[in-house]
Every structure is written in structure tokens, then in C-alpha cells.
Amino acid sequence: MKLLFIINDKAGNGVAKRKWRKMESELSMPYKAIFTNYPCHATEIVKQQAKEDQQPLLVIAVGGDGTIHEVIQGAIEFPHIIVGAVAAGSGNDFGRGFENFKTVKEVEQFFQQPITREMDIGILETTDDKKYFMNSAGFGFDAMISKHVNHSKAKKNLNKIGLGKLSYIYFLIKTLFTFNRFTLSLIHNDQEQIFRHVWFVVASNQPYYGGGMKISPNSIPNDGQFELTIVNDVSRLKLLLLFSTIFFGQHTKIKAVKQFTATNFEIIMDGDIIAHTDGEYAGVSKKDQPIHFRVKSSAWRLARKSS
């Protein structure tokens, strides 16, 4: 088995760079390291390396959820690729929901006893586009917050002093007073349900999103299904209070929160609603356009740490 590190040295405002330097100084086994230079570069790297050599290859992403997201997208088509990660971003939801490497010793132990687990991938599909997600994907209020945060200078400046999460709180409150709610039609198990005054809808493959919020406490990333969460019919003030409970997974007891479990869903919304996949901006839905969420089981292989 060969070893490849893909490093986004800008992730976490330098956190990934510092972690990589420490690992690099401790590594004694043969490896290859490639740095990303632009969006989706990690996906390109994985596909290129996979096509060049059919030997088993452990690809370790050193970066945030965006970098890991790109690596997994590149690995989906290639069963000889094993994905590992060193969580080094500002949100690190992947590191909360999936096993990841923290030390060089753990990487070396994996090579001595390589254990992998096949994981699911979520698919968000419209009539003209298809996107994958490992953590979550959705539309609405939370997606708008993600877009603001990821394009703000405030997040970069706060990351420098370890307070990056404050940018989420700032934009949460700001978006709270500007977001227009929408009506959503859900087709699930051959039945249609209408939800009005919707704040957001999110499909989850694992419990965490938004930098540690436990949006879907019962989601398991390799059970062949995912959970859909809809929040509607709640005032702005109560929504703010609801978000304070999400970090502990207590929001599911609130009447405004509805959750469904299945292998696929279809939704239709009455407006052009902003989308996210794994916390990254994913475009805008078209009014009255059918949108499908579905699961692809055993889509990629995750490196497991030895016990």
C-alpha cells in the first residue's frame, strides 16, 4: 500500500500548515505529498493518482471539511483508494462524525494493521446538476449563513485568534432578520406533505454540521440511509433559542423540528432557495423544481484507526 498526503495549507487559517509541518518532521515511512492550489484540486489529484496506479493507496487529507469533501469525491469511483483525514479546518464536522488520524503514530499503526470501513455518500440531484455530500446538504437559512461566513473577512480574522466560530453567531443573528421563509412539498414513502413557513431543510449522513451542531443525533454514516430535518412554523426569536439547543441534540424534542429517515426523498420549494453541501455554497434551487436526495451505500472506504 502506498501513502499520499493532500494538504490544503490555507485551511483553518494556517492550522493545516502547522499540523502538516509537525507530521512531516515525524514521518519515517515512504510517502508523497501534494498541496492544493485551487477549488476542486484535491478531487483532480485523487483521480489522477488512482488512474496512474491500481495498487491500494491511502490518501490522507490534511485540511478542513472542504478538502476532505473533495478527496472523497475523487475516491468514489476507485475501490483501491482508502481515505483518511487529519482534521485541520475551522468547522471540522467530519472529524466529529468520522474517525480521523491525529498523529503520525496512528498512521503507522494503520499500515501495520490496515482496517477499513465502507461508508455511504449522499447525493443531491436536480434536473441539471448532481452533488455529493459526506456530512449534510440542504436549503434555506443555514445555507445562507454558510455562504456569508465562507465569504467573510471576519471569519479569517477571527480564526487568527481562535475565535472563528463567532463569525457563525454574527451571521446567524444577521440572517435571522433578513431571511424569507418558504413553502416546501416533501414526497416520502409515496406520500406528499406540505410544510409552510420553512426556515431550512437538511439531509444528514452523520450527526454534525455547522461547526459542531448536532443537527441529526441518530444519523449513522454507513447504515444505507439518512435523516431529513425540516424546521418550520417557528418565530425568529424561538428559532434563535432552538439553535442554542442544537449543539446538544435537544432540538428534536421541539414541535417545530420534524425528522424523517429513508434512502431517498424528493422536495419541491416555492422559491429560489440557496443550497449547501457539506457547508459549502452549492448554488440556488429553481422555483417548483423537483430536487432529489438519495444515498449511495458503500461508496468509499474510510481508514480506521487500530484500537
Protein backbone atom coordinates (compact mmCIF):
# COMPACT_ATOMS: atom_id res chain seq x y z
CA MET A 1 0.00 0.00 0.00
CA LYS A 2 1.20 3.49 -0.85
CA LEU A 3 0.66 6.71 1.11
CA LEU A 4 -0.37 10.11 -0.26
CA PHE A 5 -1.00 13.28 1.72
CA ILE A 6 -3.09 16.03 0.14
CA ILE A 7 -2.62 19.27 2.05
CA ASN A 8 -4.62 22.47 1.92
CA ASP A 9 -2.14 24.64 3.80
CA LYS A 10 -4.60 27.55 3.89
CA ALA A 11 -7.24 25.56 5.80
CA GLY A 12 -8.05 26.78 9.29
CA ASN A 13 -6.09 29.96 8.61
CA GLY A 14 -2.80 28.07 8.90
CA VAL A 15 -3.84 25.23 11.23
CA ALA A 16 -3.40 22.67 8.44
CA LYS A 17 0.02 24.06 7.58
CA ARG A 18 1.21 23.77 11.19
CA LYS A 19 -0.16 20.24 11.60
CA TRP A 20 1.45 19.12 8.36
CA ARG A 21 4.85 20.54 9.33
CA LYS A 22 4.74 18.58 12.58
CA MET A 23 3.71 15.36 10.83
CA GLU A 24 6.28 15.85 8.10
CA SER A 25 9.06 16.11 10.70
CA GLU A 26 7.96 12.84 12.32
CA LEU A 27 7.25 10.67 9.27
CA SER A 28 9.78 7.88 8.69
CA MET A 29 7.86 5.82 6.12
CA PRO A 30 7.75 6.47 2.33
CA TYR A 31 5.06 8.91 1.27
CA LYS A 32 4.10 11.50 -1.32
CA ALA A 33 2.72 14.95 -0.50
CA ILE A 34 0.80 17.29 -2.82
CA PHE A 35 -0.53 20.73 -1.93
CA THR A 36 -3.83 22.00 -3.32
CA ASN A 37 -3.79 25.26 -5.29
CA TYR A 38 -7.43 25.93 -6.18
CA PRO A 39 -11.00 24.70 -5.56
CA CYS A 40 -11.61 21.04 -6.53
CA HIS A 41 -7.87 20.48 -6.98
CA ALA A 42 -7.91 17.67 -4.38
CA THR A 43 -10.54 15.80 -6.42
CA GLU A 44 -8.37 16.08 -9.53
CA ILE A 45 -5.29 14.85 -7.64
CA VAL A 46 -7.05 11.76 -6.29
CA LYS A 47 -8.47 10.79 -9.67
CA GLN A 48 -5.12 11.25 -11.39
CA GLN A 49 -3.23 9.20 -8.80
CA ALA A 50 -5.91 6.48 -8.85
CA LYS A 51 -5.70 6.11 -12.63
CA GLU A 52 -1.90 6.01 -12.67
CA ASP A 53 -1.57 3.11 -10.23
CA GLN A 54 -4.03 0.35 -9.30
CA GLN A 55 -2.24 -0.55 -6.07
CA PRO A 56 -4.02 0.17 -2.78
CA LEU A 57 -3.46 3.82 -1.90
CA LEU A 58 -4.18 5.58 1.39
CA VAL A 59 -4.99 9.23 0.70
CA ILE A 60 -4.91 11.41 3.81
CA ALA A 61 -6.50 14.83 3.52
CA VAL A 62 -4.92 17.47 5.74
CA GLY A 63 -7.39 20.32 5.88
CA GLY A 64 -10.97 21.24 6.64
CA ASP A 65 -14.27 19.69 5.61
CA GLY A 66 -13.97 21.22 2.15
CA THR A 67 -10.66 19.47 1.45
CA ILE A 68 -11.93 16.14 2.79
CA HIS A 69 -15.12 16.56 0.75
CA GLU A 70 -13.03 16.96 -2.42
CA VAL A 71 -10.84 13.93 -1.64
CA ILE A 72 -13.87 11.69 -1.09
CA GLN A 73 -15.44 12.88 -4.34
CA GLY A 74 -12.30 11.79 -6.15
CA ALA A 75 -12.23 8.40 -4.39
CA ILE A 76 -15.82 7.33 -5.08
CA GLU A 77 -15.07 5.68 -8.43
CA PHE A 78 -11.96 3.83 -7.25
CA PRO A 79 -12.28 0.93 -4.77
CA HIS A 80 -8.48 0.72 -4.33
CA ILE A 81 -8.44 4.20 -2.77
CA ILE A 82 -8.71 4.42 1.03
CA VAL A 83 -9.49 7.80 2.56
CA GLY A 84 -8.06 9.13 5.79
CA ALA A 85 -8.13 12.61 7.26
CA VAL A 86 -6.35 14.97 9.60
CA ALA A 87 -8.97 17.49 10.74
CA ALA A 88 -7.39 20.92 10.38
CA GLY A 89 -10.13 23.36 9.40
CA SER A 90 -12.32 25.78 11.31
CA GLY A 91 -15.51 23.64 11.43
CA ASN A 92 -14.20 20.06 11.37
CA ASP A 93 -17.57 18.33 11.34
CA PHE A 94 -16.04 15.37 9.50
CA GLY A 95 -13.69 14.87 12.45
CA ARG A 96 -16.67 14.69 14.81
CA GLY A 97 -18.67 12.18 12.78
CA PHE A 98 -15.91 10.03 11.27
CA GLU A 99 -12.68 8.52 12.52
CA ASN A 100 -9.59 10.58 11.65
CA PHE A 101 -5.86 10.49 12.28
CA LYS A 102 -4.38 12.73 14.96
CA THR A 103 -0.76 11.56 15.00
CA VAL A 104 1.88 10.01 12.76
CA LYS A 105 1.93 7.01 15.09
CA GLU A 106 -1.73 6.31 14.25
CA VAL A 107 -0.92 6.42 10.52
CA GLU A 108 1.96 3.98 11.00
CA GLN A 109 -0.26 1.66 13.06
CA PHE A 110 -2.79 1.62 10.23
CA PHE A 111 -0.13 0.31 7.84
CA GLN A 112 0.72 -2.43 10.30
CA GLN A 113 -2.93 -3.40 10.63
CA PRO A 114 -4.99 -1.85 7.80
CA ILE A 115 -8.68 -1.85 8.69
CA THR A 116 -11.22 -0.06 6.54
CA ARG A 117 -14.95 0.57 6.66
CA GLU A 118 -17.21 1.17 3.67
CA MET A 119 -19.15 4.41 4.05
CA ASP A 120 -22.24 5.90 2.44
CA ILE A 121 -22.33 9.07 0.37
CA GLY A 122 -25.29 11.38 -0.01
CA ILE A 123 -26.40 12.66 -3.41
CA LEU A 124 -28.26 15.92 -4.01
CA GLU A 125 -29.69 15.85 -7.52
CA THR A 126 -31.65 18.33 -9.64
CA THR A 127 -32.67 18.17 -13.29
CA ASP A 128 -29.35 19.67 -14.40
CA ASP A 129 -26.86 19.00 -11.59
CA LYS A 130 -25.62 16.35 -9.15
CA LYS A 131 -23.59 16.95 -6.00
CA TYR A 132 -22.19 14.57 -3.38
CA PHE A 133 -22.08 15.13 0.36
CA MET A 134 -20.43 13.20 3.18
CA ASN A 135 -21.88 15.20 6.09
CA SER A 136 -25.01 17.07 5.05
CA ALA A 137 -26.76 19.03 2.33
CA GLY A 138 -29.73 21.32 2.39
CA PHE A 139 -31.54 24.52 1.55
CA GLY A 140 -32.52 27.69 3.34
CA PHE A 141 -31.48 29.66 6.37
CA ASP A 142 -28.43 27.60 7.30
CA ALA A 143 -27.16 27.57 3.72
CA MET A 144 -27.34 31.36 3.59
CA ILE A 145 -25.34 31.60 6.82
CA SER A 146 -22.68 29.26 5.38
CA LYS A 147 -22.36 31.39 2.26
CA HIS A 148 -21.94 34.59 4.28
CA VAL A 149 -19.43 33.01 6.67
CA ASN A 150 -17.27 31.41 3.97
CA HIS A 151 -17.00 34.68 2.03
CA SER A 152 -16.38 36.95 5.01
CA LYS A 153 -13.13 38.55 6.09
CA ALA A 154 -14.38 38.42 9.65
CA LYS A 155 -14.02 34.61 9.77
CA LYS A 156 -10.40 34.77 8.59
CA ASN A 157 -9.53 37.44 11.14
CA LEU A 158 -11.29 35.61 13.99
CA ASN A 159 -9.59 32.34 13.02
CA LYS A 160 -6.24 34.01 13.69
CA ILE A 161 -7.13 34.29 17.37
CA GLY A 162 -9.02 31.01 17.58
CA LEU A 163 -12.49 32.58 17.62
CA GLY A 164 -13.69 31.60 14.14
CA LYS A 165 -16.99 30.27 15.46
CA LEU A 166 -18.03 33.78 16.47
CA SER A 167 -18.48 34.58 12.79
CA TYR A 168 -21.23 31.93 12.62
CA ILE A 169 -23.03 33.57 15.54
CA TYR A 170 -22.78 37.01 13.96
CA PHE A 171 -24.20 35.90 10.61
CA LEU A 172 -26.82 33.71 12.27
CA ILE A 173 -28.26 36.75 14.02
CA LYS A 174 -27.93 38.95 10.93
CA THR A 175 -29.61 36.40 8.64
CA LEU A 176 -32.34 35.82 11.20
CA PHE A 177 -33.84 39.24 10.41
CA THR A 178 -33.43 39.15 6.62
CA PHE A 179 -34.33 35.59 5.57
CA ASN A 180 -37.63 34.97 3.79
CA ARG A 181 -39.24 31.67 4.72
CA PHE A 182 -40.66 29.34 2.07
CA THR A 183 -43.16 26.54 1.45
CA LEU A 184 -41.87 23.02 0.90
CA SER A 185 -43.51 19.91 -0.51
CA LEU A 186 -41.98 16.62 0.68
CA ILE A 187 -42.58 13.35 -1.19
CA HIS A 188 -41.60 10.48 1.09
CA ASN A 189 -42.78 6.83 1.02
CA ASP A 190 -45.21 7.69 -1.80
CA GLN A 191 -46.90 10.34 0.34
CA GLU A 192 -46.80 14.12 -0.03
CA GLN A 193 -46.66 16.53 2.90
CA ILE A 194 -46.73 20.32 2.73
CA PHE A 195 -44.69 22.44 5.15
CA ARG A 196 -45.22 26.20 5.30
CA HIS A 197 -43.02 28.96 6.75
CA VAL A 198 -39.92 26.74 6.40
CA TRP A 199 -36.61 28.06 7.70
CA PHE A 200 -34.44 25.24 6.39
CA VAL A 201 -34.33 21.62 5.28
CA VAL A 202 -31.20 19.48 5.63
CA ALA A 203 -30.33 15.86 4.80
CA SER A 204 -27.76 14.35 7.17
CA ASN A 205 -25.41 11.42 6.73
CA GLN A 206 -23.86 11.92 10.18
CA PRO A 207 -24.89 13.88 13.28
CA TYR A 208 -22.86 17.09 12.96
CA TYR A 209 -22.86 20.20 10.80
CA GLY A 210 -22.21 23.94 11.07
CA GLY A 211 -19.08 23.58 13.19
CA GLY A 212 -20.31 21.19 15.87
CA MET A 213 -24.10 21.49 15.86
CA LYS A 214 -25.66 18.06 16.45
CA ILE A 215 -28.43 18.56 13.91
CA SER A 216 -29.22 14.86 13.40
CA PRO A 217 -28.28 12.89 16.54
CA ASN A 218 -29.33 9.49 15.18
CA SER A 219 -27.58 9.64 11.79
CA ILE A 220 -25.07 6.86 11.10
CA PRO A 221 -22.77 7.30 8.07
CA ASN A 222 -22.80 3.66 6.96
CA ASP A 223 -26.36 2.44 7.58
CA GLY A 224 -27.60 2.88 3.99
CA GLN A 225 -29.97 5.73 4.81
CA PHE A 226 -30.03 9.30 6.05
CA GLU A 227 -32.23 11.68 8.00
CA LEU A 228 -34.09 14.72 6.71
CA THR A 229 -34.69 17.59 9.14
CA ILE A 230 -37.25 20.33 8.46
CA VAL A 231 -37.69 23.37 10.69
CA ASN A 232 -40.83 25.44 10.14
CA ASP A 233 -43.62 27.40 11.81
CA VAL A 234 -41.44 28.99 14.46
CA SER A 235 -40.82 32.68 15.21
CA ARG A 236 -37.44 34.35 14.74
CA LEU A 237 -36.82 34.56 18.47
CA LYS A 238 -37.75 30.92 19.05
CA LEU A 239 -35.54 29.87 16.13
CA LEU A 240 -32.61 31.60 17.83
CA LEU A 241 -33.37 29.71 21.03
CA LEU A 242 -33.70 26.49 19.01
CA PHE A 243 -30.17 26.91 17.65
CA SER A 244 -28.85 27.08 21.20
CA THR A 245 -30.18 23.53 21.77
CA ILE A 246 -28.80 22.03 18.54
CA PHE A 247 -25.25 21.74 19.93
CA PHE A 248 -26.61 19.23 22.45
CA GLY A 249 -29.02 17.46 20.08
CA GLN A 250 -32.01 18.53 22.19
CA HIS A 251 -33.83 20.39 19.39
CA THR A 252 -35.52 17.21 18.13
CA LYS A 253 -37.94 17.44 21.07
CA ILE A 254 -39.28 20.78 19.79
CA LYS A 255 -42.53 20.79 17.80
CA ALA A 256 -41.07 22.97 15.03
CA VAL A 257 -38.48 20.27 14.18
CA LYS A 258 -39.57 17.35 12.00
CA GLN A 259 -37.27 14.45 11.11
CA PHE A 260 -37.68 11.60 8.63
CA THR A 261 -35.49 8.60 7.83
CA ALA A 262 -35.26 6.99 4.38
CA THR A 263 -32.97 6.13 1.48
CA ASN A 264 -34.41 8.85 -0.76
CA PHE A 265 -36.59 11.95 -0.65
CA GLU A 266 -38.00 14.42 -3.13
CA ILE A 267 -38.69 18.05 -2.26
CA ILE A 268 -40.19 20.96 -4.19
CA MET A 269 -39.93 24.57 -2.95
CA ASP A 270 -41.92 27.62 -3.94
CA GLY A 271 -38.93 29.92 -4.33
CA ASP A 272 -35.32 30.20 -5.44
CA ILE A 273 -33.62 28.90 -2.28
CA ILE A 274 -29.87 28.87 -1.59
CA ALA A 275 -28.22 25.45 -1.11
CA HIS A 276 -25.18 23.99 0.65
CA THR A 277 -23.31 20.68 0.51
CA ASP A 278 -21.00 19.96 3.44
CA GLY A 279 -21.16 23.60 4.46
CA GLU A 280 -20.09 24.95 1.07
CA TYR A 281 -22.24 27.09 -1.21
CA ALA A 282 -23.96 24.83 -3.76
CA GLY A 283 -25.99 27.23 -5.88
CA VAL A 284 -29.67 28.17 -5.82
CA SER A 285 -32.66 25.92 -6.43
CA LYS A 286 -35.20 26.86 -9.07
CA LYS A 287 -38.77 27.57 -8.05
CA ASP A 288 -41.02 24.47 -8.27
CA GLN A 289 -38.11 22.29 -9.47
CA PRO A 290 -38.06 18.69 -8.11
CA ILE A 291 -34.97 18.04 -6.01
CA HIS A 292 -33.90 14.54 -5.01
CA PHE A 293 -31.85 13.38 -2.03
CA ARG A 294 -30.62 9.80 -2.14
CA VAL A 295 -27.99 7.56 -0.58
CA LYS A 296 -25.31 5.54 -2.33
CA SER A 297 -24.28 2.77 0.04
CA SER A 298 -20.67 1.60 0.44
CA ALA A 299 -19.48 4.36 -1.88
CA TRP A 300 -16.00 4.90 -0.41
CA ARG A 301 -13.56 3.34 2.06
CA LEU A 302 -12.52 5.01 5.30
CA ALA A 303 -9.31 4.17 7.11
CA ARG A 304 -9.98 3.03 10.67
CA LYS A 305 -7.55 3.51 13.49
CA SER A 306 -6.41 0.36 15.26
CA SER A 307 -7.81 0.00 18.76
